[in-house]
């Protein structure tokens, strides 16, 4: 089969083979230009998609930093934010918590300030006088909340 093709090509006049080869080169160049234009257009689309994806990744990283308290600098080192939380307990004491990266790193309790107050529910004595009985009540100190 190959032999027949070689013989048929060699039987063609020289002028025809030159014209057909130049037309083949022209069509090959045209086909190559079409393929190259398609690749360039798809590369531009890919770059646009990549930039949109990168923007979304940056937004997600910022949200993650806000939610977890972790932040990364340009070198990739992770820095954890320290958060101080104050809780007022039912007995009047204030608990201060320092949290870093979701873990408690420091905790201390400030006891409430107590003041002596006359007990209004004290029973009367036999002579009709009320016995002054004092009881300790907690007093809320606004300055202690500012710490």
Protein backbone atom coordinates (compact mmCIF):
# COMPACT_ATOMS: atom_id res chain seq x y z
CA UNK A 1 0.00 0.00 0.00
CA UNK A 2 2.75 2.44 0.91
CA UNK A 3 4.59 1.57 -2.19
CA UNK A 4 1.65 2.58 -4.37
CA UNK A 5 1.39 5.93 -2.64
CA UNK A 6 5.06 6.64 -3.16
CA UNK A 7 4.81 5.79 -6.84
CA UNK A 8 1.75 8.01 -7.32
CA UNK A 9 3.48 10.96 -5.68
CA UNK A 10 6.58 10.52 -7.75
CA UNK A 11 4.47 10.35 -10.93
CA UNK A 12 3.06 13.85 -10.34
CA UNK A 13 4.72 16.71 -12.16
CA UNK A 14 7.03 18.90 -10.09
CA UNK A 15 4.88 22.05 -10.48
CA UNK A 16 1.82 20.36 -9.01
CA UNK A 17 3.71 19.11 -5.97
CA UNK A 18 5.12 22.59 -5.27
CA UNK A 19 1.69 24.21 -5.52
CA UNK A 20 0.08 21.57 -3.34
CA UNK A 21 2.89 21.84 -0.78
CA UNK A 22 2.52 25.64 -0.63
CA UNK A 23 -1.25 25.30 -0.23
CA UNK A 24 -0.65 22.65 2.44
CA UNK A 25 1.70 25.04 4.25
CA UNK A 26 -0.87 27.83 3.99
CA UNK A 27 -3.65 25.62 5.38
CA UNK A 28 -1.32 24.34 8.10
CA UNK A 29 -0.46 27.93 9.07
CA UNK A 30 -4.15 28.84 9.07
CA UNK A 31 -5.02 25.79 11.20
CA UNK A 32 -2.14 26.60 13.58
CA UNK A 33 -3.30 30.22 13.86
CA UNK A 34 -6.85 29.05 14.69
CA UNK A 35 -5.56 26.64 17.35
CA UNK A 36 -3.28 29.31 18.81
CA UNK A 37 -6.11 31.88 18.93
CA UNK A 38 -8.32 29.34 20.71
CA UNK A 39 -5.58 28.59 23.26
CA UNK A 40 -5.01 32.32 23.93
CA UNK A 41 -8.74 32.92 24.43
CA UNK A 42 -9.04 29.97 26.80
CA UNK A 43 -5.93 31.16 28.69
CA UNK A 44 -7.53 34.60 29.19
CA UNK A 45 -10.71 32.95 30.49
CA UNK A 46 -8.64 30.76 32.80
CA UNK A 47 -6.78 33.79 34.16
CA UNK A 48 -10.07 35.60 34.87
CA UNK A 49 -11.46 32.52 36.65
CA UNK A 50 -8.24 32.18 38.64
CA UNK A 51 -8.35 35.82 39.76
CA UNK A 52 -12.00 35.45 40.86
CA UNK A 53 -11.12 32.25 42.73
CA UNK A 54 -8.17 33.98 44.42
CA UNK A 55 -10.42 36.84 45.56
CA UNK A 56 -12.88 34.33 47.05
CA UNK A 57 -10.03 32.52 48.81
CA UNK A 58 -8.79 35.81 50.28
CA UNK A 59 -12.28 36.65 51.55
CA UNK A 60 -12.61 33.18 53.09
CA UNK A 61 -9.21 33.52 54.77
CA UNK A 62 -10.25 36.86 56.29
CA UNK A 63 -13.49 35.32 57.59
CA UNK A 64 -11.57 32.39 59.05
CA UNK A 65 -9.18 34.79 60.80
CA UNK A 66 -12.14 36.65 62.31
CA UNK A 67 -13.86 33.49 63.49
CA UNK A 68 -10.83 31.64 64.88
CA UNK A 69 -8.77 34.61 66.04
CA UNK A 70 -5.80 33.33 64.05
CA UNK A 71 -3.98 35.58 61.65
CA UNK A 72 -1.08 34.90 59.32
CA UNK A 73 1.58 37.38 58.37
CA UNK A 74 3.30 37.50 54.97
CA UNK A 75 5.80 34.82 55.98
CA UNK A 76 3.00 32.41 56.89
CA UNK A 77 3.57 32.57 60.66
CA UNK A 78 0.36 32.08 62.64
CA UNK A 79 -0.48 34.64 65.31
CA UNK A 80 -3.30 33.99 67.75
CA UNK A 81 -5.44 36.83 69.07
CA UNK A 82 -5.86 37.11 72.84
CA UNK A 83 -9.37 37.80 74.08
CA UNK A 84 -10.41 38.85 77.60
CA UNK A 85 -13.85 37.82 78.81
CA UNK A 86 -15.55 39.02 82.01
CA UNK A 87 -18.32 36.97 83.58
CA UNK A 88 -20.41 38.12 86.52
CA UNK A 89 -21.28 35.10 88.63
CA UNK A 90 -24.51 34.74 90.66
CA UNK A 91 -22.65 35.30 93.96
CA UNK A 92 -21.42 38.69 92.70
CA UNK A 93 -17.87 37.68 91.93
CA UNK A 94 -16.35 38.54 88.57
CA UNK A 95 -14.39 35.92 86.64
CA UNK A 96 -11.79 37.20 84.16
CA UNK A 97 -10.75 34.79 81.41
CA UNK A 98 -7.93 35.32 78.92
CA UNK A 99 -8.40 33.08 75.91
CA UNK A 100 -5.86 32.54 73.15
CA UNK A 101 -6.65 30.26 70.25
CA UNK A 102 -9.71 28.78 71.97
CA UNK A 103 -7.76 27.80 75.11
CA UNK A 104 -7.85 29.49 78.49
CA UNK A 105 -4.37 30.83 79.25
CA UNK A 106 -5.21 32.84 82.38
CA UNK A 107 -8.15 32.95 84.77
CA UNK A 108 -8.73 34.83 88.01
CA UNK A 109 -11.70 35.70 90.17
CA UNK A 110 -12.40 39.00 91.87
CA UNK A 111 -14.57 38.63 94.96
CA UNK A 112 -17.44 41.09 95.39
CA UNK A 113 -17.32 44.00 97.78
CA UNK A 114 -19.56 43.38 100.82
CA UNK A 115 -21.27 46.06 102.93
CA UNK A 116 -22.94 45.59 106.34
CA UNK A 117 -26.67 46.35 106.13
CA UNK A 118 -29.40 46.13 108.80
CA UNK A 119 -31.48 43.01 108.37
CA UNK A 120 -35.11 44.07 107.87
CA UNK A 121 -36.42 40.62 108.71
CA UNK A 122 -34.92 40.59 112.24
CA UNK A 123 -37.42 39.45 114.91
CA UNK A 124 -38.65 41.84 117.61
CA UNK A 125 -37.56 41.27 121.17
CA UNK A 126 -39.98 40.77 124.09
CA UNK A 127 -39.74 44.44 125.03
CA UNK A 128 -40.93 45.41 121.54
CA UNK A 129 -37.63 46.72 120.32
CA UNK A 130 -36.09 45.33 117.22
CA UNK A 131 -32.73 43.77 117.63
CA UNK A 132 -30.38 45.32 115.18
CA UNK A 133 -29.00 42.45 113.29
CA UNK A 134 -26.56 43.16 110.50
CA UNK A 135 -26.11 41.15 107.39
CA UNK A 136 -23.50 41.40 104.67
CA UNK A 137 -24.81 42.30 101.21
CA UNK A 138 -22.78 42.60 98.09
CA UNK A 139 -22.37 46.01 96.59
CA UNK A 140 -21.82 46.37 92.89
CA UNK A 141 -18.76 48.48 92.21
CA UNK A 142 -18.86 49.90 88.70
CA UNK A 143 -15.11 50.58 88.71
CA UNK A 144 -14.42 46.88 89.12
CA UNK A 145 -16.20 46.25 85.83
CA UNK A 146 -13.85 48.61 84.02
CA UNK A 147 -10.74 46.53 84.71
